[in-house]
């Protein structure tokens, strides 16, 4: 089963990335992004695609330009996540066959992203919008477009976000911080998956 949880490995290095990703996949999280402002991010993405590309949705975060999209797609990655709503990035992602998840915060940005062809919406920073903000957006958004709460979702708050209409999550520091051991990430991933399954009735 593929849960709509995107692990955000901000700050990870190429030497760390494979054992950390292996621990995530073993725990049940098979959507992984390496933000492009991480050290040697493209090398990390390449390693993940080479080792896990058949078993996981691998891609990059902090994708800010069509040029970024081309570099990521050239590695065989299949996911492009952005902090903002940039129609050119969305269009480039779709042209390259990538899953496009742009960052949004307002209804205007949501519908700009949807019209540009986004596959999902990244509510960021979710901690500022809060569940009430998401619930208000959900009242007008198409039910077929998934919304990921990113920046503020923790294992003990997933049920609250579920009730507000979150389809999934992007999880960063609750899973990984630079230097955190793969075994620690594995423990955190298992707790997160357990909390998700409880909140969503899996």
Protein backbone atom coordinates (compact mmCIF):
# COMPACT_ATOMS: atom_id res chain seq x y z
CA UNK A 1 0.00 0.00 0.00
CA UNK A 2 1.28 3.47 -0.93
CA UNK A 3 0.38 6.02 1.73
CA UNK A 4 0.13 9.70 0.70
CA UNK A 5 3.07 10.67 2.91
CA UNK A 6 6.02 12.45 1.30
CA UNK A 7 9.23 12.23 3.31
CA UNK A 8 11.20 15.47 3.01
CA UNK A 9 14.92 14.81 3.45
CA UNK A 10 16.12 18.40 3.70
CA UNK A 11 19.83 18.68 4.33
CA UNK A 12 20.64 15.03 3.68
CA UNK A 13 23.93 14.10 1.99
CA UNK A 14 24.47 11.50 -0.72
CA UNK A 15 26.31 9.22 1.71
CA UNK A 16 23.34 9.21 4.10
CA UNK A 17 20.48 9.05 1.66
CA UNK A 18 20.28 5.36 0.78
CA UNK A 19 20.12 3.90 4.32
CA UNK A 20 17.64 6.59 5.37
CA UNK A 21 15.43 5.92 2.35
CA UNK A 22 15.62 2.18 2.94
CA UNK A 23 14.38 2.68 6.51
CA UNK A 24 11.49 4.83 5.28
CA UNK A 25 10.39 2.35 2.63
CA UNK A 26 10.61 -0.55 5.08
CA UNK A 27 8.32 1.38 7.46
CA UNK A 28 5.72 2.03 4.74
CA UNK A 29 6.67 5.47 3.39
CA UNK A 30 7.47 5.20 -0.31
CA UNK A 31 7.30 8.82 -1.48
CA UNK A 32 10.58 10.61 -0.96
CA UNK A 33 11.86 14.03 -1.96
CA UNK A 34 15.30 15.56 -1.58
CA UNK A 35 15.04 19.37 -1.55
CA UNK A 36 17.35 20.90 -4.12
CA UNK A 37 18.92 23.19 -1.51
CA UNK A 38 20.39 20.11 0.21
CA UNK A 39 24.11 19.29 -0.23
CA UNK A 40 24.72 17.64 -3.63
CA UNK A 41 20.97 17.12 -3.93
CA UNK A 42 21.01 15.85 -7.50
CA UNK A 43 23.52 13.15 -6.57
CA UNK A 44 21.21 12.05 -3.75
CA UNK A 45 18.24 11.96 -6.13
CA UNK A 46 20.25 9.93 -8.65
CA UNK A 47 21.23 7.39 -5.99
CA UNK A 48 17.64 7.04 -4.84
CA UNK A 49 16.33 6.58 -8.37
CA UNK A 50 18.99 3.98 -9.14
CA UNK A 51 18.34 1.93 -6.01
CA UNK A 52 14.67 2.50 -5.21
CA UNK A 53 13.09 3.88 -8.37
CA UNK A 54 11.11 0.71 -9.01
CA UNK A 55 9.69 0.60 -5.46
CA UNK A 56 9.18 4.24 -4.53
CA UNK A 57 8.14 7.59 -5.95
CA UNK A 58 11.42 9.49 -5.91
CA UNK A 59 11.86 13.15 -6.65
CA UNK A 60 13.03 16.57 -5.60
CA UNK A 61 11.66 19.38 -3.49
CA UNK A 62 12.29 23.12 -3.65
CA UNK A 63 11.92 22.87 -7.43
CA UNK A 64 11.84 26.52 -8.45
CA UNK A 65 12.39 26.68 -12.22
CA UNK A 66 11.80 24.74 -15.45
CA UNK A 67 15.56 24.19 -15.53
CA UNK A 68 15.34 22.47 -12.15
CA UNK A 69 12.59 20.25 -13.55
CA UNK A 70 14.74 19.20 -16.50
CA UNK A 71 17.67 18.35 -14.26
CA UNK A 72 15.47 16.27 -11.95
CA UNK A 73 13.68 14.52 -14.81
CA UNK A 74 17.00 13.74 -16.46
CA UNK A 75 17.88 11.57 -13.46
CA UNK A 76 14.75 9.48 -13.88
CA UNK A 77 12.93 11.03 -10.91
CA UNK A 78 9.15 11.15 -11.06
CA UNK A 79 8.16 13.78 -8.46
CA UNK A 80 8.56 17.57 -8.40
CA UNK A 81 7.53 19.44 -5.26
CA UNK A 82 7.75 23.21 -4.91
CA UNK A 83 7.24 25.72 -2.09
CA UNK A 84 5.35 28.06 -4.43
CA UNK A 85 2.81 28.07 -7.25
CA UNK A 86 4.75 28.60 -10.48
CA UNK A 87 2.78 27.69 -13.59
CA UNK A 88 5.96 27.32 -15.65
CA UNK A 89 7.32 24.74 -13.22
CA UNK A 90 4.02 22.86 -13.22
CA UNK A 91 3.87 22.84 -17.02
CA UNK A 92 7.49 21.69 -17.30
CA UNK A 93 6.87 18.94 -14.75
CA UNK A 94 3.88 17.62 -16.64
CA UNK A 95 5.72 17.84 -19.96
CA UNK A 96 8.43 15.63 -18.47
CA UNK A 97 5.93 13.16 -17.03
CA UNK A 98 6.55 14.11 -13.40
CA UNK A 99 4.00 14.23 -10.61
CA UNK A 100 3.63 17.95 -9.85
CA UNK A 101 2.88 19.15 -6.31
CA UNK A 102 3.25 22.94 -6.06
CA UNK A 103 3.02 24.96 -2.88
CA UNK A 104 -0.18 26.92 -2.26
CA UNK A 105 -1.65 28.96 0.56
CA UNK A 106 -4.65 30.83 -0.87
CA UNK A 107 -7.65 29.86 -2.96
CA UNK A 108 -6.24 31.92 -5.82
CA UNK A 109 -3.02 29.91 -5.78
CA UNK A 110 -4.94 26.65 -5.52
CA UNK A 111 -6.94 27.29 -8.66
CA UNK A 112 -3.93 28.66 -10.56
CA UNK A 113 -2.13 25.41 -9.79
CA UNK A 114 -5.11 23.24 -10.74
CA UNK A 115 -5.61 25.05 -14.04
CA UNK A 116 -1.89 24.62 -14.81
CA UNK A 117 -2.21 20.86 -14.37
CA UNK A 118 -0.95 20.18 -10.83
CA UNK A 119 -1.48 16.64 -9.59
CA UNK A 120 -1.77 17.72 -5.97
CA UNK A 121 -1.50 20.79 -3.78
CA UNK A 122 1.02 21.39 -1.00
CA UNK A 123 -0.52 23.56 1.71
CA UNK A 124 2.55 25.40 2.98
CA UNK A 125 3.18 26.43 5.62
CA UNK A 126 0.32 24.37 7.00
CA UNK A 127 1.08 25.55 10.53
CA UNK A 128 -0.01 29.09 9.58
CA UNK A 129 -3.17 28.06 7.74
CA UNK A 130 -4.09 25.56 10.44
CA UNK A 131 -6.77 22.91 10.07
CA UNK A 132 -9.41 25.65 9.96
CA UNK A 133 -7.73 27.24 6.96
CA UNK A 134 -7.57 23.93 5.15
CA UNK A 135 -11.20 23.20 5.93
CA UNK A 136 -12.20 26.53 4.38
CA UNK A 137 -10.20 25.80 1.23
CA UNK A 138 -11.59 22.30 1.01
CA UNK A 139 -15.12 23.72 0.77
CA UNK A 140 -14.29 25.12 -2.68
CA UNK A 141 -11.61 22.78 -4.03
CA UNK A 142 -12.39 19.80 -6.28
CA UNK A 143 -12.48 16.63 -4.20
CA UNK A 144 -10.38 14.90 -6.86
CA UNK A 145 -7.34 17.10 -6.17
CA UNK A 146 -5.34 15.85 -3.18
CA UNK A 147 -4.08 18.35 -0.63
CA UNK A 148 -0.93 17.64 1.36
CA UNK A 149 -0.41 19.49 4.65
CA UNK A 150 3.27 20.42 4.88
CA UNK A 151 5.04 22.27 7.67
CA UNK A 152 3.41 21.67 11.01
CA UNK A 153 1.88 18.19 10.74
CA UNK A 154 3.07 15.78 13.44
CA UNK A 155 2.04 12.20 14.28
CA UNK A 156 -0.20 13.35 17.13
CA UNK A 157 -2.05 15.86 14.94
CA UNK A 158 -2.79 13.75 11.86
CA UNK A 159 -6.33 12.98 12.94
CA UNK A 160 -7.09 16.69 13.28
CA UNK A 161 -5.77 17.35 9.78
CA UNK A 162 -7.71 14.38 8.44
CA UNK A 163 -10.96 15.85 9.76
CA UNK A 164 -10.06 19.17 8.14
CA UNK A 165 -9.70 17.52 4.75
CA UNK A 166 -6.00 16.71 4.35
CA UNK A 167 -5.45 13.82 1.93
CA UNK A 168 -1.80 13.42 2.82
CA UNK A 169 1.27 15.02 4.31
CA UNK A 170 4.77 16.17 3.60
CA UNK A 171 6.84 15.39 6.68
CA UNK A 172 10.29 16.84 7.23
CA UNK A 173 11.91 17.30 10.64
CA UNK A 174 9.49 14.93 12.36
CA UNK A 175 11.23 12.23 10.30
CA UNK A 176 14.67 13.53 9.36
CA UNK A 177 17.15 16.17 10.44
CA UNK A 178 20.71 16.39 9.12
CA UNK A 179 22.85 13.78 10.81
CA UNK A 180 19.97 11.77 12.25
CA UNK A 181 20.74 8.04 12.13
CA UNK A 182 18.75 5.79 9.82
CA UNK A 183 17.67 3.72 12.82
CA UNK A 184 16.15 6.83 14.44
CA UNK A 185 14.42 7.72 11.18
CA UNK A 186 13.05 4.17 11.04
CA UNK A 187 11.53 4.48 14.53
CA UNK A 188 9.98 7.83 13.66
CA UNK A 189 8.64 6.51 10.36
CA UNK A 190 6.97 3.55 12.05
CA UNK A 191 5.27 5.85 14.58
CA UNK A 192 4.12 8.14 11.79
CA UNK A 193 2.71 5.28 9.73
CA UNK A 194 0.88 3.92 12.78
CA UNK A 195 -0.62 7.36 13.45
CA UNK A 196 -1.61 7.79 9.80
CA UNK A 197 -3.26 4.39 9.62
CA UNK A 198 -5.21 5.12 12.80
CA UNK A 199 -6.34 8.56 11.60
CA UNK A 200 -7.35 7.35 8.13
CA UNK A 201 -8.78 3.98 9.06
CA UNK A 202 -6.23 2.01 7.06
